[in-house]
Amino acid sequence: MTKLKLMVALLLAIVMPARAALDVGARAPDFTLQASLGGEVFTFSLAEALASGPVVLYFYPAAFTPGCTIEAHQFAEATDEFKALGATIIGVSGDDIDTLNRFSVSECRGKFAVAADADRSVMKAYRAVLADRPQYANRTSYVIAPDGTILMSYTDLKPHEHVQRTMDAVKRWRKETLPGA
């Protein structure tokens, strides 16, 4: 599929109603994926990341497409604030690891990791598959508490509110768990 066809499919999907895939309070499915941070490949484990604090997990359709680039830039700009709040960011798509190596350096600016879900198993577990193009992830963001429960979920193909919504959820979690922080 050409990038033009992908962009048309994504624009058409925007008119569909936005609904978060998994409910707040549900148990987040555990996963381990090959990921890239600043062009360096490593194994990302949700369980290991949760041991350090909440995880902002966001699914995006495809690296280097306009909306995904906007979202990656916004998460990169907010990474230091997420880290200060104790949160880890991980982006997930069906892209191969070579593509994500380049994307992690250029669009993620080496600030946060992106993971390759080549068989779409994690996308399916989180019900973050684009309905009319199942080879792509739907743009869905989650905040997962260290105990593995979903604190926030949001689905919208428009990239503009994902960072703010996840940031607000992490701040609420921190305020509720660490009063006075």
Protein backbone atom coordinates (compact mmCIF):
# COMPACT_ATOMS: atom_id res chain seq x y z
CA MET A 1 0.00 0.00 0.00
CA THR A 2 1.36 3.39 -0.93
CA LYS A 3 1.64 6.17 1.59
CA LEU A 4 -1.09 8.07 -0.27
CA LYS A 5 -3.49 5.13 0.06
CA LEU A 6 -2.60 4.78 3.74
CA MET A 7 -3.25 8.49 4.34
CA VAL A 8 -6.62 8.25 2.55
CA ALA A 9 -7.56 5.18 4.63
CA LEU A 10 -6.58 6.97 7.83
CA LEU A 11 -8.55 10.08 6.87
CA LEU A 12 -11.62 7.99 6.08
CA ALA A 13 -11.32 6.21 9.40
CA ILE A 14 -11.39 9.54 11.24
CA VAL A 15 -15.10 9.87 10.55
CA MET A 16 -15.76 6.64 12.45
CA PRO A 17 -16.71 7.08 16.12
CA ALA A 18 -13.75 7.07 18.50
CA ARG A 19 -13.92 4.46 21.26
CA ALA A 20 -11.20 3.26 23.56
CA ALA A 21 -10.39 -0.40 23.03
CA LEU A 22 -9.91 -1.65 26.62
CA ASP A 23 -11.77 -0.21 29.57
CA VAL A 24 -10.31 1.71 32.47
CA GLY A 25 -9.80 -0.71 35.36
CA ALA A 26 -9.14 -3.70 33.07
CA ARG A 27 -5.94 -5.69 33.42
CA ALA A 28 -3.37 -4.70 30.80
CA PRO A 29 -2.16 -7.68 28.75
CA ASP A 30 1.54 -8.31 29.38
CA PHE A 31 3.90 -8.32 26.41
CA THR A 32 7.53 -8.34 25.35
CA LEU A 33 8.59 -6.87 21.99
CA GLN A 34 11.71 -5.95 20.07
CA ALA A 35 12.07 -2.17 20.33
CA SER A 36 14.34 0.68 19.34
CA LEU A 37 15.52 3.68 21.33
CA GLY A 38 17.76 6.13 19.52
CA GLY A 39 18.42 3.52 16.83
CA GLU A 40 19.54 0.86 19.33
CA VAL A 41 17.55 -2.39 19.41
CA PHE A 42 16.57 -3.90 22.76
CA THR A 43 13.83 -6.06 24.26
CA PHE A 44 11.00 -4.09 25.84
CA SER A 45 9.08 -5.87 28.60
CA LEU A 46 5.90 -4.28 29.92
CA ALA A 47 6.29 -6.08 33.26
CA GLU A 48 9.83 -4.74 33.68
CA ALA A 49 8.79 -1.20 32.76
CA LEU A 50 5.86 -1.29 35.21
CA ALA A 51 8.28 -2.18 38.01
CA SER A 52 9.62 1.39 37.64
CA GLY A 53 6.29 3.23 37.43
CA PRO A 54 3.34 3.80 35.12
CA VAL A 55 3.65 3.12 31.39
CA VAL A 56 2.25 5.28 28.62
CA LEU A 57 1.53 2.79 25.83
CA TYR A 58 0.47 4.25 22.54
CA PHE A 59 -0.35 2.52 19.28
CA TYR A 60 0.07 4.29 15.96
CA PRO A 61 -0.65 3.17 12.37
CA ALA A 62 2.70 3.58 10.61
CA ALA A 63 6.04 5.31 11.04
CA PHE A 64 6.76 8.36 8.91
CA THR A 65 3.10 9.07 8.05
CA PRO A 66 1.94 12.62 8.84
CA GLY A 67 -0.18 11.94 11.95
CA CYS A 68 2.30 9.47 13.40
CA THR A 69 5.14 11.92 12.91
CA ILE A 70 3.17 14.68 14.67
CA GLU A 71 2.40 12.35 17.58
CA ALA A 72 6.00 11.16 17.87
CA HIS A 73 7.24 14.76 17.95
CA GLN A 74 4.72 15.63 20.68
CA PHE A 75 5.69 12.62 22.81
CA ALA A 76 9.38 13.46 22.30
CA GLU A 77 8.78 17.02 23.52
CA ALA A 78 6.93 15.72 26.60
CA THR A 79 9.30 12.84 27.44
CA ASP A 80 11.27 14.72 30.11
CA GLU A 81 8.07 15.67 31.94
CA PHE A 82 6.78 12.08 31.75
CA LYS A 83 10.11 10.85 33.15
CA ALA A 84 9.97 13.40 35.97
CA LEU A 85 6.58 11.91 36.88
CA GLY A 86 8.08 8.40 36.86
CA ALA A 87 6.42 7.26 33.62
CA THR A 88 7.86 5.30 30.70
CA ILE A 89 6.64 5.88 27.12
CA ILE A 90 6.47 3.10 24.53
CA GLY A 91 5.00 3.45 21.04
CA VAL A 92 3.88 0.32 19.18
CA SER A 93 3.18 -0.24 15.48
CA GLY A 94 3.33 -3.03 12.94
CA ASP A 95 6.45 -1.55 11.36
CA ASP A 96 9.60 -3.67 11.14
CA ILE A 97 12.50 -2.96 13.48
CA ASP A 98 14.70 -1.45 10.73
CA THR A 99 12.03 1.18 10.02
CA LEU A 100 11.62 1.82 13.74
CA ASN A 101 15.37 2.27 14.17
CA ARG A 102 15.19 5.21 11.76
CA PHE A 103 11.89 6.50 13.23
CA SER A 104 13.25 6.37 16.79
CA VAL A 105 16.19 8.57 15.83
CA SER A 106 14.47 11.09 13.57
CA GLU A 107 10.85 11.45 14.70
CA CYS A 108 11.11 10.23 18.32
CA ARG A 109 14.37 12.18 18.58
CA GLY A 110 16.00 9.43 20.62
CA LYS A 111 13.77 10.33 23.59
CA PHE A 112 11.52 7.26 23.92
CA ALA A 113 11.25 3.74 22.56
CA VAL A 114 9.10 2.37 19.77
CA ALA A 115 8.36 -1.35 19.44
CA ALA A 116 7.73 -3.63 16.47
CA ASP A 117 4.55 -5.71 16.66
CA ALA A 118 5.09 -7.56 13.40
CA ASP A 119 2.46 -10.24 14.02
CA ARG A 120 -0.02 -7.69 15.43
CA SER A 121 -0.52 -9.83 18.56
CA VAL A 122 -0.12 -6.92 20.99
CA MET A 123 -2.39 -4.70 18.89
CA LYS A 124 -5.01 -7.45 18.96
CA ALA A 125 -4.63 -8.03 22.72
CA TYR A 126 -5.24 -4.32 23.30
CA ARG A 127 -7.95 -4.20 20.62
CA ALA A 128 -6.02 -1.42 18.91
CA VAL A 129 -6.41 -2.64 15.34
CA LEU A 130 -7.67 -0.25 12.68
CA ALA A 131 -11.09 -1.69 11.78
CA ASP A 132 -10.97 -1.19 8.02
CA ARG A 133 -7.20 -1.78 7.69
CA PRO A 134 -6.30 -4.56 10.16
CA GLN A 135 -2.66 -4.53 9.08
CA TYR A 136 -2.37 -1.18 10.90
CA ALA A 137 -2.82 -0.16 14.51
CA ASN A 138 -5.55 2.26 15.45
CA ARG A 139 -4.27 5.38 17.21
CA THR A 140 -4.98 4.32 20.79
CA SER A 141 -3.24 5.48 23.94
CA TYR A 142 -3.22 3.89 27.38
CA VAL A 143 -1.78 4.74 30.76
CA ILE A 144 -1.08 1.60 32.75
CA ALA A 145 -0.54 1.71 36.53
CA PRO A 146 2.41 -0.16 38.06
CA ASP A 147 -0.04 -2.84 39.28
CA GLY A 148 -1.02 -3.54 35.66
CA THR A 149 -4.44 -1.90 35.60
CA ILE A 150 -5.45 0.49 32.87
CA LEU A 151 -5.83 4.02 34.24
CA MET A 152 -6.75 5.72 30.97
CA SER A 153 -7.58 4.75 27.42
CA TYR A 154 -8.25 6.99 24.45
CA THR A 155 -8.76 6.23 20.76
CA ASP A 156 -8.78 8.87 18.05
CA LEU A 157 -6.93 8.85 14.74
CA LYS A 158 -6.23 12.54 15.17
CA PRO A 159 -2.90 12.72 17.02
CA HIS A 160 -3.34 16.05 18.77
CA GLU A 161 -4.86 15.08 22.16
CA HIS A 162 -3.02 11.86 22.95
CA VAL A 163 -0.04 13.40 24.74
CA GLN A 164 -2.13 15.79 26.84
CA ARG A 165 -4.63 13.10 27.84
CA THR A 166 -1.91 10.65 28.85
CA MET A 167 -0.01 13.38 30.71
CA ASP A 168 -3.15 14.35 32.63
CA ALA A 169 -3.75 10.69 33.58
CA VAL A 170 -0.17 10.24 34.81
CA LYS A 171 -0.43 13.44 36.87
CA ARG A 172 -3.75 12.24 38.41
CA TRP A 173 -2.18 8.87 39.23
CA ARG A 174 0.82 10.52 40.85
CA LYS A 175 -1.36 12.89 42.90
CA GLU A 176 -3.58 10.01 44.08
CA THR A 177 -0.69 7.66 44.86
CA LEU A 178 1.83 10.13 46.19
CA PRO A 179 -0.15 12.84 48.00
CA GLY A 180 1.81 16.05 48.26
CA ALA A 181 3.97 15.15 45.24
